Amino acid sequence: MSIDPSAFYGALAHPTRLRTLMLLGRYSELCVCELTYAIGVSQPHISRHLAQLREQGLVTDRRASTWIYYRINPALPDWAKTVLHETQTGLQSSQPFIDDTTALSTMPNRPDAPRCA
């Protein structure tokens, strides 16, 4: 798979996309409702950024019933995977990434609950 380096680093430059990628790197797969809850943004806001990440090939999605789950694209080139991993390692103990993880861990009605949509 070929990724445009400028688009890749551009994705990391926006706070919402960076926070989304860091959460996906930590949890492997999350639905839109989990991302909106953890980051504290509206559903249209996160969906717009997820669409950009998907168009750039950085994330993939799958539908399961009424939910759409996102994950980092496993077909990313090794250099991109390394950058994401090192970024995750470097940022996991700083703000706002600590708050995102804490919020997600306390989220009621996570994906399999009927009210998560």
PDB file of N, CA and C in Angstrom:
ATOM      1  N   MET A   1       0.839  -1.173   0.000  1.00  0.00           N
ATOM      2  CA  MET A   1       0.000   0.000   0.000  1.00  0.00           C
ATOM      3  C   MET A   1       0.886   1.238   0.000  1.00  0.00           C
ATOM      4  N   SER A   2       0.477   2.217  -0.759  1.00  0.00           N
ATOM      5  CA  SER A   2       1.223   3.461  -0.841  1.00  0.00           C
ATOM      6  C   SER A   2       0.447   4.574  -0.139  1.00  0.00           C
ATOM      7  N   ILE A   3       1.118   5.276   0.724  1.00  0.00           N
ATOM      8  CA  ILE A   3       0.526   6.400   1.457  1.00  0.00           C
ATOM      9  C   ILE A   3       1.328   7.653   1.096  1.00  0.00           C
ATOM     10  N   ASP A   4       0.619   8.722   0.825  1.00  0.00           N
ATOM     11  CA  ASP A   4       1.283   9.998   0.564  1.00  0.00           C
ATOM     12  C   ASP A   4       1.815  10.537   1.897  1.00  0.00           C
ATOM     13  N   PRO A   5       3.140  10.678   2.026  1.00  0.00           N
ATOM     14  CA  PRO A   5       3.703  11.158   3.298  1.00  0.00           C
ATOM     15  C   PRO A   5       3.148  12.512   3.734  1.00  0.00           C
ATOM     16  N   SER A   6       2.917  13.417   2.797  1.00  0.00           N
ATOM     17  CA  SER A   6       2.375  14.728   3.169  1.00  0.00           C
ATOM     18  C   SER A   6       0.979  14.588   3.757  1.00  0.00           C
ATOM     19  N   ALA A   7       0.146  13.740   3.168  1.00  0.00           N
ATOM     20  CA  ALA A   7      -1.202  13.511   3.695  1.00  0.00           C
ATOM     21  C   ALA A   7      -1.131  12.823   5.056  1.00  0.00           C
ATOM     22  N   PHE A   8      -0.204  11.890   5.194  1.00  0.00           N
ATOM     23  CA  PHE A   8      -0.032  11.171   6.462  1.00  0.00           C
ATOM     24  C   PHE A   8       0.313  12.140   7.586  1.00  0.00           C
ATOM     25  N   TYR A   9       1.323  12.970   7.370  1.00  0.00           N
ATOM     26  CA  TYR A   9       1.723  13.908   8.411  1.00  0.00           C
ATOM     27  C   TYR A   9       0.690  15.006   8.599  1.00  0.00           C
ATOM     28  N   GLY A  10      -0.027  15.350   7.540  1.00  0.00           N
ATOM     29  CA  GLY A  10      -1.129  16.303   7.664  1.00  0.00           C
ATOM     30  C   GLY A  10      -2.223  15.764   8.567  1.00  0.00           C
ATOM     31  N   ALA A  11      -2.475  14.465   8.474  1.00  0.00           N
ATOM     32  CA  ALA A  11      -3.476  13.833   9.342  1.00  0.00           C
ATOM     33  C   ALA A  11      -3.057  13.931  10.804  1.00  0.00           C
ATOM     34  N   LEU A  12      -1.785  13.744  11.062  1.00  0.00           N
ATOM     35  CA  LEU A  12      -1.282  13.823  12.435  1.00  0.00           C
ATOM     36  C   LEU A  12      -1.274  15.255  12.962  1.00  0.00           C
ATOM     37  N   ALA A  13      -1.296  16.229  12.054  1.00  0.00           N
ATOM     38  CA  ALA A  13      -1.199  17.630  12.461  1.00  0.00           C
ATOM     39  C   ALA A  13      -2.506  18.186  13.024  1.00  0.00           C
ATOM     40  N   HIS A  14      -3.631  17.531  12.776  1.00  0.00           N
ATOM     41  CA  HIS A  14      -4.904  18.038  13.297  1.00  0.00           C
ATOM     42  C   HIS A  14      -5.209  17.342  14.629  1.00  0.00           C
ATOM     43  N   PRO A  15      -5.541  18.104  15.673  1.00  0.00           N
ATOM     44  CA  PRO A  15      -5.757  17.512  17.001  1.00  0.00           C
ATOM     45  C   PRO A  15      -6.804  16.394  17.035  1.00  0.00           C
ATOM     46  N   THR A  16      -7.917  16.555  16.363  1.00  0.00           N
ATOM     47  CA  THR A  16      -8.949  15.507  16.397  1.00  0.00           C
ATOM     48  C   THR A  16      -8.460  14.236  15.733  1.00  0.00           C
ATOM     49  N   ARG A  17      -7.810  14.364  14.595  1.00  0.00           N
ATOM     50  CA  ARG A  17      -7.320  13.168  13.902  1.00  0.00           C
ATOM     51  C   ARG A  17      -6.193  12.503  14.686  1.00  0.00           C
ATOM     52  N   LEU A  18      -5.309  13.309  15.286  1.00  0.00           N
ATOM     53  CA  LEU A  18      -4.223  12.736  16.087  1.00  0.00           C
ATOM     54  C   LEU A  18      -4.795  11.987  17.285  1.00  0.00           C
ATOM     55  N   ARG A  19      -5.729  12.604  17.990  1.00  0.00           N
ATOM     56  CA  ARG A  19      -6.323  11.945  19.158  1.00  0.00           C
ATOM     57  C   ARG A  19      -7.053  10.672  18.748  1.00  0.00           C
ATOM     58  N   THR A  20      -7.729  10.707  17.609  1.00  0.00           N
ATOM     59  CA  THR A  20      -8.427   9.522  17.100  1.00  0.00           C
ATOM     60  C   THR A  20      -7.445   8.406  16.798  1.00  0.00           C
ATOM     61  N   LEU A  21      -6.373   8.727  16.095  1.00  0.00           N
ATOM     62  CA  LEU A  21      -5.375   7.706  15.766  1.00  0.00           C
ATOM     63  C   LEU A  21      -4.711   7.136  17.013  1.00  0.00           C
ATOM     64  N   MET A  22      -4.473   7.982  18.013  1.00  0.00           N
ATOM     65  CA  MET A  22      -3.858   7.493  19.239  1.00  0.00           C
ATOM     66  C   MET A  22      -4.797   6.546  19.989  1.00  0.00           C
ATOM     67  N   LEU A  23      -6.087   6.867  20.018  1.00  0.00           N
ATOM     68  CA  LEU A  23      -7.053   5.955  20.642  1.00  0.00           C
ATOM     69  C   LEU A  23      -7.144   4.646  19.871  1.00  0.00           C
ATOM     70  N   LEU A  24      -7.178   4.722  18.552  1.00  0.00           N
ATOM     71  CA  LEU A  24      -7.250   3.506  17.750  1.00  0.00           C
ATOM     72  C   LEU A  24      -5.982   2.669  17.906  1.00  0.00           C
ATOM     73  N   GLY A  25      -4.860   3.323  18.071  1.00  0.00           N
ATOM     74  CA  GLY A  25      -3.624   2.584  18.301  1.00  0.00           C
ATOM     75  C   GLY A  25      -3.616   1.862  19.634  1.00  0.00           C
ATOM     76  N   ARG A  26      -4.286   2.440  20.597  1.00  0.00           N
ATOM     77  CA  ARG A  26      -4.338   1.831  21.929  1.00  0.00           C
ATOM     78  C   ARG A  26      -5.396   0.737  22.030  1.00  0.00           C
ATOM     79  N   TYR A  27      -6.546   0.956  21.413  1.00  0.00           N
ATOM     80  CA  TYR A  27      -7.671   0.030  21.571  1.00  0.00           C
ATOM     81  C   TYR A  27      -7.947  -0.835  20.352  1.00  0.00           C
ATOM     82  N   SER A  28      -7.192  -0.692  19.322  1.00  0.00           N
ATOM     83  CA  SER A  28      -7.318  -1.478  18.098  1.00  0.00           C
ATOM     84  C   SER A  28      -8.541  -1.132  17.266  1.00  0.00           C
ATOM     85  N   GLU A  29      -9.715  -1.109  17.872  1.00  0.00           N
ATOM     86  CA  GLU A  29     -10.939  -0.852  17.122  1.00  0.00           C
ATOM     87  C   GLU A  29     -11.956  -0.161  18.020  1.00  0.00           C
ATOM     88  N   LEU A  30     -12.531   0.928  17.510  1.00  0.00           N
ATOM     89  CA  LEU A  30     -13.531   1.670  18.272  1.00  0.00           C
ATOM     90  C   LEU A  30     -14.656   2.112  17.348  1.00  0.00           C
ATOM     91  N   CYS A  31     -15.850   2.263  17.923  1.00  0.00           N
ATOM     92  CA  CYS A  31     -16.971   2.776  17.137  1.00  0.00           C
ATOM     93  C   CYS A  31     -17.021   4.301  17.275  1.00  0.00           C
ATOM     94  N   VAL A  32     -17.813   4.922  16.426  1.00  0.00           N
ATOM     95  CA  VAL A  32     -17.933   6.377  16.425  1.00  0.00           C
ATOM     96  C   VAL A  32     -18.370   6.891  17.792  1.00  0.00           C
ATOM     97  N   CYS A  33     -19.330   6.227  18.425  1.00  0.00           N
ATOM     98  CA  CYS A  33     -19.817   6.708  19.718  1.00  0.00           C
ATOM     99  C   CYS A  33     -18.716   6.696  20.775  1.00  0.00           C
ATOM    100  N   GLU A  34     -17.831   5.714  20.725  1.00  0.00           N
ATOM    101  CA  GLU A  34     -16.723   5.672  21.684  1.00  0.00           C
ATOM    102  C   GLU A  34     -15.752   6.834  21.443  1.00  0.00           C
ATOM    103  N   LEU A  35     -15.484   7.108  20.190  1.00  0.00           N
ATOM    104  CA  LEU A  35     -14.571   8.213  19.869  1.00  0.00           C
ATOM    105  C   LEU A  35     -15.163   9.560  20.248  1.00  0.00           C
ATOM    106  N   THR A  36     -16.448   9.769  19.981  1.00  0.00           N
ATOM    107  CA  THR A  36     -17.063  11.047  20.349  1.00  0.00           C
ATOM    108  C   THR A  36     -17.055  11.226  21.864  1.00  0.00           C
ATOM    109  N   TYR A  37     -17.329  10.153  22.589  1.00  0.00           N
ATOM    110  CA  TYR A  37     -17.348  10.222  24.049  1.00  0.00           C
ATOM    111  C   TYR A  37     -15.945  10.512  24.594  1.00  0.00           C
ATOM    112  N   ALA A  38     -14.959   9.783  24.116  1.00  0.00           N
ATOM    113  CA  ALA A  38     -13.598   9.924  24.640  1.00  0.00           C
ATOM    114  C   ALA A  38     -13.006  11.295  24.347  1.00  0.00           C
ATOM    115  N   ILE A  39     -13.200  11.772  23.133  1.00  0.00           N
ATOM    116  CA  ILE A  39     -12.572  13.031  22.729  1.00  0.00           C
ATOM    117  C   ILE A  39     -13.436  14.231  23.108  1.00  0.00           C
ATOM    118  N   GLY A  40     -14.741  14.009  23.261  1.00  0.00           N
ATOM    119  CA  GLY A  40     -15.638  15.089  23.667  1.00  0.00           C
ATOM    120  C   GLY A  40     -16.038  16.006  22.530  1.00  0.00           C
ATOM    121  N   VAL A  41     -16.227  15.424  21.352  1.00  0.00           N
ATOM    122  CA  VAL A  41     -16.661  16.203  20.191  1.00  0.00           C
ATOM    123  C   VAL A  41     -17.976  15.622  19.671  1.00  0.00           C
ATOM    124  N   SER A  42     -18.619  16.358  18.780  1.00  0.00           N
ATOM    125  CA  SER A  42     -19.896  15.906  18.227  1.00  0.00           C
ATOM    126  C   SER A  42     -19.684  14.776  17.220  1.00  0.00           C
ATOM    127  N   GLN A  43     -20.748  14.042  16.982  1.00  0.00           N
ATOM    128  CA  GLN A  43     -20.691  12.943  16.012  1.00  0.00           C
ATOM    129  C   GLN A  43     -20.354  13.445  14.602  1.00  0.00           C
ATOM    130  N   PRO A  44     -20.970  14.537  14.116  1.00  0.00           N
ATOM    131  CA  PRO A  44     -20.584  15.008  12.779  1.00  0.00           C
ATOM    132  C   PRO A  44     -19.106  15.417  12.689  1.00  0.00           C
ATOM    133  N   HIS A  45     -18.585  16.000  13.770  1.00  0.00           N
ATOM    134  CA  HIS A  45     -17.182  16.409  13.790  1.00  0.00           C
ATOM    135  C   HIS A  45     -16.261  15.199  13.660  1.00  0.00           C
ATOM    136  N   ILE A  46     -16.477  14.180  14.473  1.00  0.00           N
ATOM    137  CA  ILE A  46     -15.602  13.005  14.427  1.00  0.00           C
ATOM    138  C   ILE A  46     -15.794  12.247  13.120  1.00  0.00           C
ATOM    139  N   SER A  47     -17.031  12.180  12.626  1.00  0.00           N
ATOM    140  CA  SER A  47     -17.288  11.471  11.374  1.00  0.00           C
ATOM    141  C   SER A  47     -16.569  12.127  10.196  1.00  0.00           C
ATOM    142  N   ARG A  48     -16.532  13.445  10.183  1.00  0.00           N
ATOM    143  CA  ARG A  48     -15.826  14.167   9.110  1.00  0.00           C
ATOM    144  C   ARG A  48     -14.338  13.824   9.130  1.00  0.00           C
ATOM    145  N   HIS A  49     -13.749  13.785  10.323  1.00  0.00           N
ATOM    146  CA  HIS A  49     -12.326  13.477  10.422  1.00  0.00           C
ATOM    147  C   HIS A  49     -12.045  12.005  10.143  1.00  0.00           C
ATOM    148  N   LEU A  50     -12.947  11.121  10.547  1.00  0.00           N
ATOM    149  CA  LEU A  50     -12.783   9.706  10.217  1.00  0.00           C
ATOM    150  C   LEU A  50     -12.865   9.490   8.706  1.00  0.00           C
ATOM    151  N   ALA A  51     -13.753  10.217   8.046  1.00  0.00           N
ATOM    152  CA  ALA A  51     -13.864  10.113   6.585  1.00  0.00           C
ATOM    153  C   ALA A  51     -12.552  10.541   5.923  1.00  0.00           C
ATOM    154  N   GLN A  52     -11.942  11.595   6.434  1.00  0.00           N
ATOM    155  CA  GLN A  52     -10.663  12.037   5.881  1.00  0.00           C
ATOM    156  C   GLN A  52      -9.581  10.993   6.106  1.00  0.00           C
ATOM    157  N   LEU A  53      -9.547  10.417   7.286  1.00  0.00           N
ATOM    158  CA  LEU A  53      -8.560   9.374   7.571  1.00  0.00           C
ATOM    159  C   LEU A  53      -8.779   8.145   6.691  1.00  0.00           C
ATOM    160  N   ARG A  54     -10.034   7.810   6.456  1.00  0.00           N
ATOM    161  CA  ARG A  54     -10.363   6.662   5.604  1.00  0.00           C
ATOM    162  C   ARG A  54      -9.965   6.953   4.151  1.00  0.00           C
ATOM    163  N   GLU A  55     -10.263   8.152   3.662  1.00  0.00           N
ATOM    164  CA  GLU A  55      -9.909   8.531   2.289  1.00  0.00           C
ATOM    165  C   GLU A  55      -8.399   8.515   2.072  1.00  0.00           C
ATOM    166  N   GLN A  56      -7.648   8.861   3.083  1.00  0.00           N
ATOM    167  CA  GLN A  56      -6.188   8.860   2.986  1.00  0.00           C
ATOM    168  C   GLN A  56      -5.602   7.464   3.179  1.00  0.00           C
ATOM    169  N   GLY A  57      -6.443   6.493   3.531  1.00  0.00           N
ATOM    170  CA  GLY A  57      -5.984   5.129   3.707  1.00  0.00           C
ATOM    171  C   GLY A  57      -5.395   4.828   5.068  1.00  0.00           C
ATOM    172  N   LEU A  58      -5.576   5.743   6.039  1.00  0.00           N
ATOM    173  CA  LEU A  58      -4.990   5.532   7.359  1.00  0.00           C
ATOM    174  C   LEU A  58      -5.844   4.650   8.258  1.00  0.00           C
ATOM    175  N   VAL A  59      -7.145   4.652   8.043  1.00  0.00           N
ATOM    176  CA  VAL A  59      -8.032   3.795   8.822  1.00  0.00           C
ATOM    177  C   VAL A  59      -8.947   3.015   7.875  1.00  0.00           C
ATOM    178  N   THR A  60      -9.448   1.919   8.381  1.00  0.00           N
ATOM    179  CA  THR A  60     -10.469   1.150   7.680  1.00  0.00           C
ATOM    180  C   THR A  60     -11.668   1.038   8.611  1.00  0.00           C
ATOM    181  N   ASP A  61     -12.794   0.658   8.048  1.00  0.00           N
ATOM    182  CA  ASP A  61     -13.989   0.516   8.868  1.00  0.00           C
ATOM    183  C   ASP A  61     -14.713  -0.779   8.541  1.00  0.00           C
ATOM    184  N   ARG A  62     -15.577  -1.158   9.454  1.00  0.00           N
ATOM    185  CA  ARG A  62     -16.453  -2.317   9.233  1.00  0.00           C
ATOM    186  C   ARG A  62     -17.765  -2.023   9.925  1.00  0.00           C
ATOM    187  N   ARG A  63     -18.820  -2.494   9.327  1.00  0.00           N
ATOM    188  CA  ARG A  63     -20.152  -2.308   9.893  1.00  0.00           C
ATOM    189  C   ARG A  63     -20.541  -3.589  10.637  1.00  0.00           C
ATOM    190  N   ALA A  64     -21.096  -3.385  11.815  1.00  0.00           N
ATOM    191  CA  ALA A  64     -21.631  -4.490  12.607  1.00  0.00           C
ATOM    192  C   ALA A  64     -22.966  -4.006  13.156  1.00  0.00           C
ATOM    193  N   SER A  65     -24.031  -4.494  12.562  1.00  0.00           N
ATOM    194  CA  SER A  65     -25.371  -4.058  12.932  1.00  0.00           C
ATOM    195  C   SER A  65     -25.503  -2.562  12.676  1.00  0.00           C
ATOM    196  N   THR A  66     -25.798  -1.781  13.705  1.00  0.00           N
ATOM    197  CA  THR A  66     -25.969  -0.343  13.517  1.00  0.00           C
ATOM    198  C   THR A  66     -24.689   0.445  13.772  1.00  0.00           C
ATOM    199  N   TRP A  67     -23.610  -0.221  14.128  1.00  0.00           N
ATOM    200  CA  TRP A  67     -22.368   0.469  14.458  1.00  0.00           C
ATOM    201  C   TRP A  67     -21.351   0.359  13.340  1.00  0.00           C
ATOM    202  N   ILE A  68     -20.528   1.365  13.247  1.00  0.00           N
ATOM    203  CA  ILE A  68     -19.380   1.327  12.346  1.00  0.00           C
ATOM    204  C   ILE A  68     -18.143   1.412  13.214  1.00  0.00           C
ATOM    205  N   TYR A  69     -17.291   0.425  13.068  1.00  0.00           N
ATOM    206  CA  TYR A  69     -16.058   0.345  13.846  1.00  0.00           C
ATOM    207  C   TYR A  69     -14.881   0.746  12.969  1.00  0.00           C
ATOM    208  N   TYR A  70     -13.960   1.494  13.564  1.00  0.00           N
ATOM    209  CA  TYR A  70     -12.770   1.962  12.858  1.00  0.00           C
ATOM    210  C   TYR A  70     -11.530   1.372  13.485  1.00  0.00           C
ATOM    211  N   ARG A  71     -10.520   1.177  12.659  1.00  0.00           N
ATOM    212  CA  ARG A  71      -9.227   0.676  13.126  1.00  0.00           C
ATOM    213  C   ARG A  71      -8.147   1.253  12.214  1.00  0.00           C
ATOM    214  N   ILE A  72      -6.935   1.284  12.710  1.00  0.00           N
ATOM    215  CA  ILE A  72      -5.812   1.703  11.877  1.00  0.00           C
ATOM    216  C   ILE A  72      -5.648   0.668  10.779  1.00  0.00           C
ATOM    217  N   ASN A  73      -5.447   1.139   9.580  1.00  0.00           N
ATOM    218  CA  ASN A  73      -5.328   0.251   8.429  1.00  0.00           C
ATOM    219  C   ASN A  73      -4.132  -0.682   8.601  1.00  0.00           C
ATOM    220  N   PRO A  74      -4.377  -1.992   8.667  1.00  0.00           N
ATOM    221  CA  PRO A  74      -3.262  -2.930   8.845  1.00  0.00           C
ATOM    222  C   PRO A  74      -2.338  -3.001   7.627  1.00  0.00           C
ATOM    223  N   ALA A  75      -2.780  -2.470   6.486  1.00  0.00           N
ATOM    224  CA  ALA A  75      -1.964  -2.499   5.275  1.00  0.00           C
ATOM    225  C   ALA A  75      -1.055  -1.276   5.134  1.00  0.00           C
ATOM    226  N   LEU A  76      -1.011  -0.430   6.168  1.00  0.00           N
ATOM    227  CA  LEU A  76      -0.110   0.730   6.108  1.00  0.00           C
ATOM    228  C   LEU A  76       1.328   0.259   5.903  1.00  0.00           C
ATOM    229  N   PRO A  77       2.127   1.056   5.216  1.00  0.00           N
ATOM    230  CA  PRO A  77       3.541   0.684   5.089  1.00  0.00           C
ATOM    231  C   PRO A  77       4.225   0.694   6.456  1.00  0.00           C
ATOM    232  N   ASP A  78       5.291  -0.054   6.550  1.00  0.00           N
ATOM    233  CA  ASP A  78       5.998  -0.187   7.829  1.00  0.00           C
ATOM    234  C   ASP A  78       6.425   1.158   8.404  1.00  0.00           C
ATOM    235  N   TRP A  79       6.871   2.086   7.561  1.00  0.00           N
ATOM    236  CA  TRP A  79       7.320   3.385   8.076  1.00  0.00           C
ATOM    237  C   TRP A  79       6.180   4.114   8.776  1.00  0.00           C
ATOM    238  N   ALA A  80       4.956   4.012   8.217  1.00  0.00           N
ATOM    239  CA  ALA A  80       3.800   4.690   8.811  1.00  0.00           C
ATOM    240  C   ALA A  80       3.399   4.013  10.120  1.00  0.00           C
ATOM    241  N   LYS A  81       3.441   2.689  10.149  1.00  0.00           N
ATOM    242  CA  LYS A  81       3.135   1.965  11.383  1.00  0.00           C
ATOM    243  C   LYS A  81       4.133   2.335  12.483  1.00  0.00           C
ATOM    244  N   THR A  82       5.396   2.460  12.113  1.00  0.00           N
ATOM    245  CA  THR A  82       6.428   2.824  13.079  1.00  0.00           C
ATOM    246  C   THR A  82       6.189   4.225  13.628  1.00  0.00           C
ATOM    247  N   VAL A  83       5.866   5.157  12.759  1.00  0.00           N
ATOM    248  CA  VAL A  83       5.593   6.531  13.204  1.00  0.00           C
ATOM    249  C   VAL A  83       4.414   6.544  14.170  1.00  0.00           C
ATOM    250  N   LEU A  84       3.335   5.838  13.823  1.00  0.00           N
ATOM    251  CA  LEU A  84       2.163   5.808  14.705  1.00  0.00           C
ATOM    252  C   LEU A  84       2.497   5.159  16.044  1.00  0.00           C
ATOM    253  N   HIS A  85       3.239   4.070  16.006  1.00  0.00           N
ATOM    254  CA  HIS A  85       3.608   3.382  17.254  1.00  0.00           C
ATOM    255  C   HIS A  85       4.480   4.273  18.142  1.00  0.00           C
ATOM    256  N   GLU A  86       5.475   4.898  17.565  1.00  0.00           N
ATOM    257  CA  GLU A  86       6.370   5.767  18.341  1.00  0.00           C
ATOM    258  C   GLU A  86       5.622   6.989  18.868  1.00  0.00           C
ATOM    259  N   THR A  87       4.713   7.519  18.069  1.00  0.00           N
ATOM    260  CA  THR A  87       3.910   8.657  18.522  1.00  0.00           C
ATOM    261  C   THR A  87       3.028   8.236  19.683  1.00  0.00           C
ATOM    262  N   GLN A  88       2.403   7.068  19.577  1.00  0.00           N
ATOM    263  CA  GLN A  88       1.572   6.528  20.650  1.00  0.00           C
ATOM    264  C   GLN A  88       2.390   6.381  21.932  1.00  0.00           C
ATOM    265  N   THR A  89       3.553   5.805  21.816  1.00  0.00           N
ATOM    266  CA  THR A  89       4.422   5.601  22.975  1.00  0.00           C
ATOM    267  C   THR A  89       4.808   6.931  23.612  1.00  0.00           C
ATOM    268  N   GLY A  90       5.127   7.908  22.798  1.00  0.00           N
ATOM    269  CA  GLY A  90       5.559   9.196  23.315  1.00  0.00           C
ATOM    270  C   GLY A  90       4.452  10.039  23.922  1.00  0.00           C
ATOM    271  N   LEU A  91       3.213   9.860  23.447  1.00  0.00           N
ATOM    272  CA  LEU A  91       2.116  10.718  23.893  1.00  0.00           C
ATOM    273  C   LEU A  91       1.180  10.107  24.926  1.00  0.00           C
ATOM    274  N   GLN A  92       1.272   8.824  25.152  1.00  0.00           N
ATOM    275  CA  GLN A  92       0.282   8.151  25.997  1.00  0.00           C
ATOM    276  C   GLN A  92       0.219   8.657  27.433  1.00  0.00           C
ATOM    277  N   SER A  93       1.280   9.265  27.904  1.00  0.00           N
ATOM    278  CA  SER A  93       1.259   9.758  29.279  1.00  0.00           C
ATOM    279  C   SER A  93       1.206  11.285  29.347  1.00  0.00           C
ATOM    280  N   SER A  94       0.651  11.914  28.304  1.00  0.00           N
ATOM    281  CA  SER A  94       0.504  13.368  28.312  1.00  0.00           C
ATOM    282  C   SER A  94      -0.940  13.739  27.962  1.00  0.00           C
ATOM    283  N   GLN A  95      -1.266  14.993  28.237  1.00  0.00           N
ATOM    284  CA  GLN A  95      -2.611  15.496  27.953  1.00  0.00           C
ATOM    285  C   GLN A  95      -2.715  15.893  26.477  1.00  0.00           C
ATOM    286  N   PRO A  96      -3.836  15.757  25.850  1.00  0.00           N
ATOM    287  CA  PRO A  96      -5.135  15.305  26.337  1.00  0.00           C
ATOM    288  C   PRO A  96      -5.324  13.796  26.229  1.00  0.00           C
ATOM    289  N   PHE A  97      -4.265  13.075  25.887  1.00  0.00           N
ATOM    290  CA  PHE A  97      -4.364  11.650  25.614  1.00  0.00           C
ATOM    291  C   PHE A  97      -4.702  10.840  26.862  1.00  0.00           C
ATOM    292  N   ILE A  98      -4.215  11.287  28.014  1.00  0.00           N
ATOM    293  CA  ILE A  98      -4.584  10.628  29.274  1.00  0.00           C
ATOM    294  C   ILE A  98      -6.091  10.776  29.506  1.00  0.00           C
ATOM    295  N   ASP A  99      -6.597  11.996  29.313  1.00  0.00           N
ATOM    296  CA  ASP A  99      -8.036  12.233  29.509  1.00  0.00           C
ATOM    297  C   ASP A  99      -8.885  11.427  28.539  1.00  0.00           C
ATOM    298  N   ASP A 100      -8.442  11.289  27.299  1.00  0.00           N
ATOM    299  CA  ASP A 100      -9.197  10.505  26.310  1.00  0.00           C
ATOM    300  C   ASP A 100      -9.316   9.046  26.763  1.00  0.00           C
ATOM    301  N   THR A 101      -8.212   8.488  27.218  1.00  0.00           N
ATOM    302  CA  THR A 101      -8.207   7.097  27.676  1.00  0.00           C
ATOM    303  C   THR A 101      -9.071   6.929  28.923  1.00  0.00           C
ATOM    304  N   THR A 102      -8.957   7.872  29.849  1.00  0.00           N
ATOM    305  CA  THR A 102      -9.765   7.825  31.078  1.00  0.00           C
ATOM    306  C   THR A 102     -11.248   7.923  30.752  1.00  0.00           C
ATOM    307  N   ALA A 103     -11.602   8.856  29.888  1.00  0.00           N
ATOM    308  CA  ALA A 103     -13.015   9.018  29.516  1.00  0.00           C
ATOM    309  C   ALA A 103     -13.554   7.742  28.886  1.00  0.00           C
ATOM    310  N   LEU A 104     -12.792   7.150  27.993  1.00  0.00           N
ATOM    311  CA  LEU A 104     -13.260   5.930  27.341  1.00  0.00           C
ATOM    312  C   LEU A 104     -13.421   4.788  28.337  1.00  0.00           C
ATOM    313  N   SER A 105     -12.527   4.709  29.291  1.00  0.00           N
ATOM    314  CA  SER A 105     -12.607   3.614  30.266  1.00  0.00           C
ATOM    315  C   SER A 105     -13.806   3.749  31.194  1.00  0.00           C
ATOM    316  N   THR A 106     -14.366   4.948  31.305  1.00  0.00           N
ATOM    317  CA  THR A 106     -15.524   5.149  32.173  1.00  0.00           C
ATOM    318  C   THR A 106     -16.827   5.306  31.391  1.00  0.00           C
ATOM    319  N   MET A 107     -16.773   5.119  30.088  1.00  0.00           N
ATOM    320  CA  MET A 107     -17.955   5.317  29.246  1.00  0.00           C
ATOM    321  C   MET A 107     -19.023   4.266  29.537  1.00  0.00           C
ATOM    322  N   PRO A 108     -20.240   4.722  29.847  1.00  0.00           N
ATOM    323  CA  PRO A 108     -21.337   3.761  29.999  1.00  0.00           C
ATOM    324  C   PRO A 108     -21.829   3.331  28.613  1.00  0.00           C
ATOM    325  N   ASN A 109     -22.477   2.208  28.549  1.00  0.00           N
ATOM    326  CA  ASN A 109     -23.106   1.747  27.304  1.00  0.00           C
ATOM    327  C   ASN A 109     -22.131   1.647  26.140  1.00  0.00           C
ATOM    328  N   ARG A 110     -21.012   0.989  26.349  1.00  0.00           N
ATOM    329  CA  ARG A 110     -20.033   0.839  25.276  1.00  0.00           C
ATOM    330  C   ARG A 110     -20.627   0.013  24.148  1.00  0.00           C
ATOM    331  N   PRO A 111     -19.958  -0.180  23.046  1.00  0.00           N
ATOM    332  CA  PRO A 111     -20.494  -0.623  21.757  1.00  0.00           C
ATOM    333  C   PRO A 111     -21.622  -1.630  21.711  1.00  0.00           C
ATOM    334  N   ASP A 112     -21.599  -2.609  22.539  1.00  0.00           N
ATOM    335  CA  ASP A 112     -22.640  -3.629  22.426  1.00  0.00           C
ATOM    336  C   ASP A 112     -23.927  -3.262  23.123  1.00  0.00           C
ATOM    337  N   ALA A 113     -23.957  -2.122  23.774  1.00  0.00           N
ATOM    338  CA  ALA A 113     -25.175  -1.682  24.450  1.00  0.00           C
ATOM    339  C   ALA A 113     -26.130  -1.055  23.433  1.00  0.00           C
ATOM    340  N   PRO A 114     -27.429  -1.233  23.585  1.00  0.00           N
ATOM    341  CA  PRO A 114     -28.392  -0.751  22.606  1.00  0.00           C
ATOM    342  C   PRO A 114     -28.408   0.751  22.400  1.00  0.00           C
ATOM    343  N   ARG A 115     -28.020   1.553  23.387  1.00  0.00           N
ATOM    344  CA  ARG A 115     -28.103   2.993  23.242  1.00  0.00           C
ATOM    345  C   ARG A 115     -26.877   3.611  22.602  1.00  0.00           C
ATOM    346  N   CYS A 116     -25.862   2.844  22.298  1.00  0.00           N
ATOM    347  CA  CYS A 116     -24.670   3.373  21.651  1.00  0.00           C
ATOM    348  C   CYS A 116     -24.904   3.381  20.148  1.00  0.00           C
ATOM    349  N   ALA A 117     -25.108   4.557  19.579  1.00  0.00           N
ATOM    350  CA  ALA A 117     -25.361   4.636  18.146  1.00  0.00           C
ATOM    351  C   ALA A 117     -24.711   5.860  17.547  1.00  0.00           C
TER     352      ALA A 117
END
